[in-house]
Amino acid sequence: MSAARPRDGLRRAMIEAGSALLALVLLIWSLLPVYNMFLIALDPEEGEVEFTGHLWPPEPSLQSFVEVVTQDARYLEHFWQQFGNSLVIGVMTTVLTLVIGSLASFAVSHLRLARARLLTNTALFTYAIPASFLIVPYYRIIHAYGLSNSLWGVIAAQVTFATPFAILILQLYARLIPTELDDAARVDGASPVQVYLRIYLPVMIPALAVVAVYALLLAWNDYLYQAVLLLPRNGTFSMVQGNLFADTDAEWNAMMAAGIIYVLPPILLLLALRRHVAASLAMVSAGV
């Protein structure tokens, strides 16, 4: 017994060391592209230092960030308008996904609708078809409803893709909540609307936070639907980034600086909701 204990301790220490090493490698691998963005953004020579093997620019400069803020760089003459369009699409997609997803989940799980499982399964079936395959029929639908070159057309598309996931996550989380809360509210005379507003939404905040982060990232990182449904005058920053691959002499440092500024809203949202996201994941893990 005494010889087995040191052996178990050594095995545990080796597993922990291996796990820590693997985590470090994955962390470096994940942060390497982000570091590369900073490296190019700080280079005053339009990102050329990135191709010379330097780990840090010899003369780092914030000039590229100044050019982005003042809209002096090529392709970025309307940066704040494009950033605002992206923000409108992201925020409205998030809000509408939360509203539609929470109402659908509440109706399925709390109002005991008939064939509720068929409804959720049908919604999830949309993920079996790649989004790129749906762009042509979706374009025709948007054109038929007069939403061509409209931010609302892109918002409608993103909400369509985000809502099935929202319903799934909210339903899984709702199963972990005691039904006695609803029963007590109904005994006190609460209507379904009151149960939804005063019981369901406050309890579901952690799951709603997860859905909000997912919906914003889905809309924020989209390029295909924005490029097809919008004209350049109503374009977003994702569409501008696509011009990089068509220009052999692009201002890489300014574009990377703009990219760093562009990723700030999702990061800020995740930081603001990190406690709720962690609580949701912990509760789902405990329930599983």
C-alpha atoms as a PDB file:
ATOM      1  CA  MET A   1       0.000   0.000   0.000  1.00  0.00           C
ATOM      2  CA  SER A   2       2.789   2.436   0.873  1.00  0.00           C
ATOM      3  CA  ALA A   3       4.556   1.790  -2.463  1.00  0.00           C
ATOM      4  CA  ALA A   4       1.330   2.265  -4.430  1.00  0.00           C
ATOM      5  CA  ARG A   5       0.650   5.706  -2.973  1.00  0.00           C
ATOM      6  CA  PRO A   6       3.865   7.352  -4.270  1.00  0.00           C
ATOM      7  CA  ARG A   7       3.246   5.697  -7.633  1.00  0.00           C
ATOM      8  CA  ASP A   8      -0.293   7.098  -7.780  1.00  0.00           C
ATOM      9  CA  GLY A   9       0.991  10.489  -6.737  1.00  0.00           C
ATOM     10  CA  LEU A  10       3.646  10.408  -9.473  1.00  0.00           C
ATOM     11  CA  ARG A  11       1.068   9.388 -12.071  1.00  0.00           C
ATOM     12  CA  ARG A  12      -1.243  12.202 -10.960  1.00  0.00           C
ATOM     13  CA  ALA A  13       1.597  14.709 -11.105  1.00  0.00           C
ATOM     14  CA  MET A  14       2.559  13.555 -14.604  1.00  0.00           C
ATOM     15  CA  ILE A  15      -1.054  13.843 -15.787  1.00  0.00           C
ATOM     16  CA  GLU A  16      -1.351  17.347 -14.355  1.00  0.00           C
ATOM     17  CA  ALA A  17       1.972  18.377 -15.901  1.00  0.00           C
ATOM     18  CA  GLY A  18       0.938  16.948 -19.261  1.00  0.00           C
ATOM     19  CA  SER A  19      -2.418  18.709 -19.081  1.00  0.00           C
ATOM     20  CA  ALA A  20      -0.746  22.004 -18.211  1.00  0.00           C
ATOM     21  CA  LEU A  21       1.712  21.613 -21.088  1.00  0.00           C
ATOM     22  CA  LEU A  22      -1.084  20.790 -23.529  1.00  0.00           C
ATOM     23  CA  ALA A  23      -3.095  23.787 -22.326  1.00  0.00           C
ATOM     24  CA  LEU A  24      -0.050  26.026 -22.790  1.00  0.00           C
ATOM     25  CA  VAL A  25       0.503  24.758 -26.341  1.00  0.00           C
ATOM     26  CA  LEU A  26      -3.168  25.285 -27.231  1.00  0.00           C
ATOM     27  CA  LEU A  27      -3.104  28.758 -25.684  1.00  0.00           C
ATOM     28  CA  ILE A  28      -0.048  29.775 -27.697  1.00  0.00           C
ATOM     29  CA  TRP A  29      -1.530  28.281 -30.859  1.00  0.00           C
ATOM     30  CA  SER A  30      -4.798  30.151 -30.314  1.00  0.00           C
ATOM     31  CA  LEU A  31      -3.177  33.492 -29.509  1.00  0.00           C
ATOM     32  CA  LEU A  32      -0.591  33.340 -32.285  1.00  0.00           C
ATOM     33  CA  PRO A  33      -2.901  34.802 -34.981  1.00  0.00           C
ATOM     34  CA  VAL A  34      -3.971  37.559 -32.577  1.00  0.00           C
ATOM     35  CA  TYR A  35      -0.345  38.391 -31.832  1.00  0.00           C
ATOM     36  CA  ASN A  36       0.322  38.435 -35.552  1.00  0.00           C
ATOM     37  CA  MET A  37      -2.454  41.006 -35.975  1.00  0.00           C
ATOM     38  CA  PHE A  38      -0.866  43.253 -33.345  1.00  0.00           C
ATOM     39  CA  LEU A  39       2.537  42.740 -34.943  1.00  0.00           C
ATOM     40  CA  ILE A  40       1.285  43.929 -38.325  1.00  0.00           C
ATOM     41  CA  ALA A  41      -0.819  46.756 -36.851  1.00  0.00           C
ATOM     42  CA  LEU A  42       2.199  48.194 -35.017  1.00  0.00           C
ATOM     43  CA  ASP A  43       4.412  48.062 -38.090  1.00  0.00           C
ATOM     44  CA  PRO A  44       4.772  51.487 -39.758  1.00  0.00           C
ATOM     45  CA  GLU A  45       5.785  49.853 -43.073  1.00  0.00           C
ATOM     46  CA  GLU A  46       2.337  48.481 -43.998  1.00  0.00           C
ATOM     47  CA  GLY A  47       2.952  45.111 -42.348  1.00  0.00           C
ATOM     48  CA  GLU A  48       6.162  44.247 -44.179  1.00  0.00           C
ATOM     49  CA  VAL A  49       7.966  43.373 -40.935  1.00  0.00           C
ATOM     50  CA  GLU A  50       5.638  40.389 -40.517  1.00  0.00           C
ATOM     51  CA  PHE A  51       7.206  38.755 -43.546  1.00  0.00           C
ATOM     52  CA  THR A  52      10.798  39.266 -42.364  1.00  0.00           C
ATOM     53  CA  GLY A  53      10.666  36.989 -39.335  1.00  0.00           C
ATOM     54  CA  HIS A  54      10.756  39.730 -36.661  1.00  0.00           C
ATOM     55  CA  LEU A  55       9.037  38.922 -33.391  1.00  0.00           C
ATOM     56  CA  TRP A  56       8.546  42.639 -32.751  1.00  0.00           C
ATOM     57  CA  PRO A  57       8.640  45.645 -35.096  1.00  0.00           C
ATOM     58  CA  PRO A  58      12.001  47.483 -34.880  1.00  0.00           C
ATOM     59  CA  GLU A  59      10.107  50.801 -34.704  1.00  0.00           C
ATOM     60  CA  PRO A  60       6.551  50.109 -33.439  1.00  0.00           C
ATOM     61  CA  SER A  61       4.032  52.817 -34.179  1.00  0.00           C
ATOM     62  CA  LEU A  62       0.361  53.526 -33.454  1.00  0.00           C
ATOM     63  CA  GLN A  63      -0.007  55.443 -36.701  1.00  0.00           C
ATOM     64  CA  SER A  64      -2.160  52.733 -38.258  1.00  0.00           C
ATOM     65  CA  PHE A  65      -4.697  53.039 -35.434  1.00  0.00           C
ATOM     66  CA  VAL A  66      -4.741  56.820 -35.941  1.00  0.00           C
ATOM     67  CA  GLU A  67      -5.406  56.311 -39.648  1.00  0.00           C
ATOM     68  CA  VAL A  68      -8.302  54.014 -38.859  1.00  0.00           C
ATOM     69  CA  VAL A  69      -9.880  56.385 -36.338  1.00  0.00           C
ATOM     70  CA  THR A  70      -9.492  59.350 -38.694  1.00  0.00           C
ATOM     71  CA  GLN A  71     -10.529  57.231 -41.724  1.00  0.00           C
ATOM     72  CA  ASP A  72      -7.410  58.167 -43.684  1.00  0.00           C
ATOM     73  CA  ALA A  73      -6.424  54.655 -44.810  1.00  0.00           C
ATOM     74  CA  ARG A  74      -7.397  53.124 -48.147  1.00  0.00           C
ATOM     75  CA  TYR A  75     -10.680  51.152 -48.013  1.00  0.00           C
ATOM     76  CA  LEU A  76     -11.408  52.743 -44.625  1.00  0.00           C
ATOM     77  CA  GLU A  77     -12.747  56.123 -45.776  1.00  0.00           C
ATOM     78  CA  HIS A  78     -16.158  55.145 -44.345  1.00  0.00           C
ATOM     79  CA  PHE A  79     -14.961  52.949 -41.490  1.00  0.00           C
ATOM     80  CA  TRP A  80     -17.288  54.284 -38.800  1.00  0.00           C
ATOM     81  CA  GLN A  81     -20.337  54.006 -41.048  1.00  0.00           C
ATOM     82  CA  GLN A  82     -19.377  50.413 -41.895  1.00  0.00           C
ATOM     83  CA  PHE A  83     -18.653  49.703 -38.243  1.00  0.00           C
ATOM     84  CA  GLY A  84     -22.056  51.163 -37.348  1.00  0.00           C
ATOM     85  CA  ASN A  85     -23.792  48.947 -39.923  1.00  0.00           C
ATOM     86  CA  SER A  86     -22.063  45.900 -38.446  1.00  0.00           C
ATOM     87  CA  LEU A  87     -23.091  47.034 -34.962  1.00  0.00           C
ATOM     88  CA  VAL A  88     -26.736  47.463 -35.993  1.00  0.00           C
ATOM     89  CA  ILE A  89     -26.796  44.005 -37.567  1.00  0.00           C
ATOM     90  CA  GLY A  90     -25.123  42.414 -34.540  1.00  0.00           C
ATOM     91  CA  VAL A  91     -27.242  44.131 -31.887  1.00  0.00           C
ATOM     92  CA  MET A  92     -30.573  43.631 -33.662  1.00  0.00           C
ATOM     93  CA  THR A  93     -29.741  39.991 -34.426  1.00  0.00           C
ATOM     94  CA  THR A  94     -28.952  39.439 -30.749  1.00  0.00           C
ATOM     95  CA  VAL A  95     -32.096  41.172 -29.477  1.00  0.00           C
ATOM     96  CA  LEU A  96     -34.474  39.471 -31.922  1.00  0.00           C
ATOM     97  CA  THR A  97     -32.881  36.060 -31.325  1.00  0.00           C
ATOM     98  CA  LEU A  98     -33.326  36.476 -27.580  1.00  0.00           C
ATOM     99  CA  VAL A  99     -36.952  37.555 -27.940  1.00  0.00           C
ATOM    100  CA  ILE A 100     -37.990  34.897 -30.461  1.00  0.00           C
ATOM    101  CA  GLY A 101     -35.928  32.123 -28.853  1.00  0.00           C
ATOM    102  CA  SER A 102     -37.174  32.835 -25.325  1.00  0.00           C
ATOM    103  CA  LEU A 103     -40.818  33.077 -26.423  1.00  0.00           C
ATOM    104  CA  ALA A 104     -40.587  29.846 -28.420  1.00  0.00           C
ATOM    105  CA  SER A 105     -38.800  28.021 -25.624  1.00  0.00           C
ATOM    106  CA  PHE A 106     -41.308  29.264 -23.053  1.00  0.00           C
ATOM    107  CA  ALA A 107     -44.226  28.179 -25.220  1.00  0.00           C
ATOM    108  CA  VAL A 108     -42.763  24.722 -25.807  1.00  0.00           C
ATOM    109  CA  SER A 109     -41.561  23.953 -22.278  1.00  0.00           C
ATOM    110  CA  HIS A 110     -44.040  25.833 -20.059  1.00  0.00           C
ATOM    111  CA  LEU A 111     -47.326  25.982 -21.946  1.00  0.00           C
ATOM    112  CA  ARG A 112     -47.252  22.270 -22.776  1.00  0.00           C
ATOM    113  CA  LEU A 113     -48.033  22.676 -26.462  1.00  0.00           C
ATOM    114  CA  ALA A 114     -48.960  19.643 -28.516  1.00  0.00           C
ATOM    115  CA  ARG A 115     -46.201  18.274 -30.711  1.00  0.00           C
ATOM    116  CA  ALA A 116     -43.688  20.636 -29.152  1.00  0.00           C
ATOM    117  CA  ARG A 117     -40.804  18.287 -29.876  1.00  0.00           C
ATOM    118  CA  LEU A 118     -41.730  18.292 -33.572  1.00  0.00           C
ATOM    119  CA  LEU A 119     -41.426  22.085 -33.556  1.00  0.00           C
ATOM    120  CA  THR A 120     -37.943  22.100 -32.057  1.00  0.00           C
ATOM    121  CA  ASN A 121     -36.701  19.243 -34.231  1.00  0.00           C
ATOM    122  CA  THR A 122     -37.956  20.973 -37.355  1.00  0.00           C
ATOM    123  CA  ALA A 123     -36.118  24.139 -36.356  1.00  0.00           C
ATOM    124  CA  LEU A 124     -32.888  22.223 -35.745  1.00  0.00           C
ATOM    125  CA  PHE A 125     -33.242  20.505 -39.114  1.00  0.00           C
ATOM    126  CA  THR A 126     -32.259  23.787 -40.767  1.00  0.00           C
ATOM    127  CA  TYR A 127     -28.686  23.209 -39.574  1.00  0.00           C
ATOM    128  CA  ALA A 128     -28.487  20.115 -41.770  1.00  0.00           C
ATOM    129  CA  ILE A 129     -28.395  22.395 -44.828  1.00  0.00           C
ATOM    130  CA  PRO A 130     -25.236  24.526 -45.224  1.00  0.00           C
ATOM    131  CA  ALA A 131     -25.967  28.227 -45.041  1.00  0.00           C
ATOM    132  CA  SER A 132     -24.129  28.798 -48.321  1.00  0.00           C
ATOM    133  CA  PHE A 133     -26.690  26.607 -50.120  1.00  0.00           C
ATOM    134  CA  LEU A 134     -29.542  28.788 -48.901  1.00  0.00           C
ATOM    135  CA  ILE A 135     -28.139  32.086 -50.120  1.00  0.00           C
ATOM    136  CA  VAL A 136     -29.837  31.948 -53.552  1.00  0.00           C
ATOM    137  CA  PRO A 137     -33.394  31.165 -52.354  1.00  0.00           C
ATOM    138  CA  TYR A 138     -32.933  33.573 -49.476  1.00  0.00           C
ATOM    139  CA  TYR A 139     -31.850  36.302 -51.885  1.00  0.00           C
ATOM    140  CA  ARG A 140     -35.028  35.752 -53.923  1.00  0.00           C
ATOM    141  CA  ILE A 141     -37.177  35.944 -50.791  1.00  0.00           C
ATOM    142  CA  ILE A 142     -35.487  39.135 -49.640  1.00  0.00           C
ATOM    143  CA  HIS A 143     -35.917  40.660 -53.104  1.00  0.00           C
ATOM    144  CA  ALA A 144     -39.604  39.677 -53.190  1.00  0.00           C
ATOM    145  CA  TYR A 145     -40.233  41.450 -49.877  1.00  0.00           C
ATOM    146  CA  GLY A 146     -38.421  44.595 -50.974  1.00  0.00           C
ATOM    147  CA  LEU A 147     -35.529  44.220 -48.540  1.00  0.00           C
ATOM    148  CA  SER A 148     -32.733  44.181 -51.112  1.00  0.00           C
ATOM    149  CA  ASN A 149     -29.715  46.192 -50.002  1.00  0.00           C
ATOM    150  CA  SER A 150     -31.255  46.561 -46.551  1.00  0.00           C
ATOM    151  CA  LEU A 151     -29.666  45.809 -43.204  1.00  0.00           C
ATOM    152  CA  TRP A 152     -32.957  44.233 -42.167  1.00  0.00           C
ATOM    153  CA  GLY A 153     -32.567  41.559 -44.819  1.00  0.00           C
ATOM    154  CA  VAL A 154     -29.228  40.518 -43.326  1.00  0.00           C
ATOM    155  CA  ILE A 155     -30.671  40.707 -39.812  1.00  0.00           C
ATOM    156  CA  ALA A 156     -33.563  38.446 -40.819  1.00  0.00           C
ATOM    157  CA  ALA A 157     -31.126  35.905 -42.244  1.00  0.00           C
ATOM    158  CA  GLN A 158     -28.945  35.866 -39.132  1.00  0.00           C
ATOM    159  CA  VAL A 159     -31.944  35.581 -36.813  1.00  0.00           C
ATOM    160  CA  THR A 160     -33.157  32.634 -38.880  1.00  0.00           C
ATOM    161  CA  PHE A 161     -29.875  30.805 -38.359  1.00  0.00           C
ATOM    162  CA  ALA A 162     -29.432  31.736 -34.695  1.00  0.00           C
ATOM    163  CA  THR A 163     -32.942  31.009 -33.405  1.00  0.00           C
ATOM    164  CA  PRO A 164     -32.892  27.153 -33.570  1.00  0.00           C
ATOM    165  CA  PHE A 165     -29.733  27.066 -31.440  1.00  0.00           C
ATOM    166  CA  ALA A 166     -31.305  29.549 -29.031  1.00  0.00           C
ATOM    167  CA  ILE A 167     -34.408  27.390 -28.628  1.00  0.00           C
ATOM    168  CA  LEU A 168     -32.277  24.292 -28.011  1.00  0.00           C
ATOM    169  CA  ILE A 169     -30.076  25.923 -25.366  1.00  0.00           C
ATOM    170  CA  LEU A 170     -32.996  27.572 -23.583  1.00  0.00           C
ATOM    171  CA  GLN A 171     -34.973  24.330 -23.533  1.00  0.00           C
ATOM    172  CA  LEU A 172     -32.048  22.362 -22.109  1.00  0.00           C
ATOM    173  CA  TYR A 173     -31.580  24.965 -19.407  1.00  0.00           C
ATOM    174  CA  ALA A 174     -35.304  25.206 -18.662  1.00  0.00           C
ATOM    175  CA  ARG A 175     -35.401  21.485 -17.854  1.00  0.00           C
ATOM    176  CA  LEU A 176     -33.102  22.150 -14.894  1.00  0.00           C
ATOM    177  CA  ILE A 177     -35.503  24.650 -13.342  1.00  0.00           C
ATOM    178  CA  PRO A 178     -38.106  23.253 -10.889  1.00  0.00           C
ATOM    179  CA  THR A 179     -41.633  23.336 -12.291  1.00  0.00           C
ATOM    180  CA  GLU A 180     -42.885  24.304  -8.837  1.00  0.00           C
ATOM    181  CA  LEU A 181     -41.986  27.910  -9.623  1.00  0.00           C
ATOM    182  CA  ASP A 182     -44.527  28.046 -12.437  1.00  0.00           C
ATOM    183  CA  ASP A 183     -47.125  26.159 -10.440  1.00  0.00           C
ATOM    184  CA  ALA A 184     -46.770  28.541  -7.504  1.00  0.00           C
ATOM    185  CA  ALA A 185     -47.105  31.552  -9.785  1.00  0.00           C
ATOM    186  CA  ARG A 186     -50.230  30.133 -11.427  1.00  0.00           C
ATOM    187  CA  VAL A 187     -51.754  29.367  -8.019  1.00  0.00           C
ATOM    188  CA  ASP A 188     -51.235  33.018  -7.117  1.00  0.00           C
ATOM    189  CA  GLY A 189     -53.168  33.989 -10.240  1.00  0.00           C
ATOM    190  CA  ALA A 190     -50.296  34.929 -12.555  1.00  0.00           C
ATOM    191  CA  SER A 191     -51.089  34.931 -16.261  1.00  0.00           C
ATOM    192  CA  PRO A 192     -48.763  33.288 -18.824  1.00  0.00           C
ATOM    193  CA  VAL A 193     -47.383  36.725 -19.722  1.00  0.00           C
ATOM    194  CA  GLN A 194     -46.616  37.446 -16.081  1.00  0.00           C
ATOM    195  CA  VAL A 195     -44.994  34.040 -15.654  1.00  0.00           C
ATOM    196  CA  TYR A 196     -42.848  34.731 -18.715  1.00  0.00           C
ATOM    197  CA  LEU A 197     -41.776  38.204 -17.596  1.00  0.00           C
ATOM    198  CA  ARG A 198     -41.427  37.709 -13.842  1.00  0.00           C
ATOM    199  CA  ILE A 199     -40.456  34.039 -13.497  1.00  0.00           C
ATOM    200  CA  TYR A 200     -39.070  32.667 -16.740  1.00  0.00           C
ATOM    201  CA  LEU A 201     -36.813  35.507 -17.929  1.00  0.00           C
ATOM    202  CA  PRO A 202     -35.108  36.252 -14.570  1.00  0.00           C
ATOM    203  CA  VAL A 203     -34.360  32.571 -13.981  1.00  0.00           C
ATOM    204  CA  MET A 204     -33.111  32.056 -17.548  1.00  0.00           C
ATOM    205  CA  ILE A 205     -30.571  34.906 -17.509  1.00  0.00           C
ATOM    206  CA  PRO A 206     -27.491  32.596 -17.621  1.00  0.00           C
ATOM    207  CA  ALA A 207     -28.833  30.735 -20.662  1.00  0.00           C
ATOM    208  CA  LEU A 208     -29.901  33.992 -22.295  1.00  0.00           C
ATOM    209  CA  ALA A 209     -26.324  35.239 -21.876  1.00  0.00           C
ATOM    210  CA  VAL A 210     -24.997  32.218 -23.777  1.00  0.00           C
ATOM    211  CA  VAL A 211     -27.522  32.794 -26.561  1.00  0.00           C
ATOM    212  CA  ALA A 212     -26.645  36.501 -26.732  1.00  0.00           C
ATOM    213  CA  VAL A 213     -22.940  35.781 -27.160  1.00  0.00           C
ATOM    214  CA  TYR A 214     -23.627  33.157 -29.819  1.00  0.00           C
ATOM    215  CA  ALA A 215     -26.039  35.363 -31.795  1.00  0.00           C
ATOM    216  CA  LEU A 216     -23.692  38.350 -31.764  1.00  0.00           C
ATOM    217  CA  LEU A 217     -20.699  36.277 -32.871  1.00  0.00           C
ATOM    218  CA  LEU A 218     -22.743  34.656 -35.639  1.00  0.00           C
ATOM    219  CA  ALA A 219     -23.776  38.011 -37.080  1.00  0.00           C
ATOM    220  CA  TRP A 220     -20.447  39.705 -36.340  1.00  0.00           C
ATOM    221  CA  ASN A 221     -18.359  37.128 -38.196  1.00  0.00           C
ATOM    222  CA  ASP A 222     -20.638  36.703 -41.199  1.00  0.00           C
ATOM    223  CA  TYR A 223     -19.375  37.714 -44.623  1.00  0.00           C
ATOM    224  CA  LEU A 224     -21.341  35.731 -47.213  1.00  0.00           C
ATOM    225  CA  TYR A 225     -24.841  37.081 -46.582  1.00  0.00           C
ATOM    226  CA  GLN A 226     -23.622  40.635 -46.105  1.00  0.00           C
ATOM    227  CA  ALA A 227     -21.633  40.545 -49.351  1.00  0.00           C
ATOM    228  CA  VAL A 228     -24.563  39.106 -51.343  1.00  0.00           C
ATOM    229  CA  LEU A 229     -27.454  41.061 -49.843  1.00  0.00           C
ATOM    230  CA  LEU A 230     -25.822  44.480 -49.441  1.00  0.00           C
ATOM    231  CA  LEU A 231     -24.326  46.946 -51.889  1.00  0.00           C
ATOM    232  CA  PRO A 232     -21.008  48.644 -51.050  1.00  0.00           C
ATOM    233  CA  ARG A 233     -22.697  51.900 -50.022  1.00  0.00           C
ATOM    234  CA  ASN A 234     -24.487  50.025 -47.207  1.00  0.00           C
ATOM    235  CA  GLY A 235     -21.564  47.696 -46.596  1.00  0.00           C
ATOM    236  CA  THR A 236     -20.114  46.417 -43.360  1.00  0.00           C
ATOM    237  CA  PHE A 237     -16.551  46.052 -42.186  1.00  0.00           C
ATOM    238  CA  SER A 238     -16.580  42.345 -43.037  1.00  0.00           C
ATOM    239  CA  MET A 239     -17.204  43.276 -46.667  1.00  0.00           C
ATOM    240  CA  VAL A 240     -14.316  45.747 -46.577  1.00  0.00           C
ATOM    241  CA  GLN A 241     -11.963  43.071 -45.259  1.00  0.00           C
ATOM    242  CA  GLY A 242     -12.782  41.010 -48.340  1.00  0.00           C
ATOM    243  CA  ASN A 243     -11.102  43.663 -50.484  1.00  0.00           C
ATOM    244  CA  LEU A 244      -7.763  42.718 -48.987  1.00  0.00           C
ATOM    245  CA  PHE A 245      -7.576  39.605 -51.126  1.00  0.00           C
ATOM    246  CA  ALA A 246      -8.215  41.567 -54.311  1.00  0.00           C
ATOM    247  CA  ASP A 247      -5.457  44.134 -53.687  1.00  0.00           C
ATOM    248  CA  THR A 248      -1.820  43.183 -54.114  1.00  0.00           C
ATOM    249  CA  ASP A 249      -0.680  46.314 -52.272  1.00  0.00           C
ATOM    250  CA  ALA A 250      -3.159  46.581 -49.411  1.00  0.00           C
ATOM    251  CA  GLU A 251      -2.369  48.618 -46.298  1.00  0.00           C
ATOM    252  CA  TRP A 252      -2.102  45.584 -44.061  1.00  0.00           C
ATOM    253  CA  ASN A 253      -1.157  47.503 -40.935  1.00  0.00           C
ATOM    254  CA  ALA A 254      -4.231  49.744 -41.123  1.00  0.00           C
ATOM    255  CA  MET A 255      -6.515  46.828 -41.923  1.00  0.00           C
ATOM    256  CA  MET A 256      -5.183  44.815 -38.989  1.00  0.00           C
ATOM    257  CA  ALA A 257      -5.609  47.824 -36.715  1.00  0.00           C
ATOM    258  CA  ALA A 258      -9.192  48.129 -37.929  1.00  0.00           C
ATOM    259  CA  GLY A 259      -9.666  44.407 -37.302  1.00  0.00           C
ATOM    260  CA  ILE A 260      -8.473  44.797 -33.710  1.00  0.00           C
ATOM    261  CA  ILE A 261     -10.953  47.621 -33.153  1.00  0.00           C
ATOM    262  CA  TYR A 262     -13.671  45.561 -34.836  1.00  0.00           C
ATOM    263  CA  VAL A 263     -13.357  42.628 -32.422  1.00  0.00           C
ATOM    264  CA  LEU A 264     -13.795  44.799 -29.326  1.00  0.00           C
ATOM    265  CA  PRO A 265     -17.643  44.677 -29.089  1.00  0.00           C
ATOM    266  CA  PRO A 266     -17.876  40.844 -28.895  1.00  0.00           C
ATOM    267  CA  ILE A 267     -15.029  40.789 -26.385  1.00  0.00           C
ATOM    268  CA  LEU A 268     -16.708  43.445 -24.242  1.00  0.00           C
ATOM    269  CA  LEU A 269     -20.008  41.555 -24.361  1.00  0.00           C
ATOM    270  CA  LEU A 270     -18.325  38.313 -23.330  1.00  0.00           C
ATOM    271  CA  LEU A 271     -16.537  40.063 -20.458  1.00  0.00           C
ATOM    272  CA  ALA A 272     -19.794  41.652 -19.320  1.00  0.00           C
ATOM    273  CA  LEU A 273     -21.663  38.324 -19.392  1.00  0.00           C
ATOM    274  CA  ARG A 274     -18.842  36.002 -18.346  1.00  0.00           C
ATOM    275  CA  ARG A 275     -20.343  35.289 -14.916  1.00  0.00           C
ATOM    276  CA  HIS A 276     -23.711  34.343 -16.379  1.00  0.00           C
ATOM    277  CA  VAL A 277     -22.071  32.226 -19.096  1.00  0.00           C
ATOM    278  CA  ALA A 278     -19.972  30.393 -16.512  1.00  0.00           C
ATOM    279  CA  ALA A 279     -23.036  29.864 -14.300  1.00  0.00           C
ATOM    280  CA  SER A 280     -25.005  28.468 -17.249  1.00  0.00           C
ATOM    281  CA  LEU A 281     -22.253  26.032 -18.213  1.00  0.00           C
ATOM    282  CA  ALA A 282     -21.799  24.935 -14.594  1.00  0.00           C
ATOM    283  CA  MET A 283     -25.526  24.333 -14.130  1.00  0.00           C
ATOM    284  CA  VAL A 284     -25.847  22.381 -17.380  1.00  0.00           C
ATOM    285  CA  SER A 285     -22.800  20.263 -16.461  1.00  0.00           C
ATOM    286  CA  ALA A 286     -24.241  19.551 -13.030  1.00  0.00           C
ATOM    287  CA  GLY A 287     -27.589  18.642 -14.554  1.00  0.00           C
ATOM    288  CA  VAL A 288     -25.972  16.287 -17.049  1.00  0.00           C
END
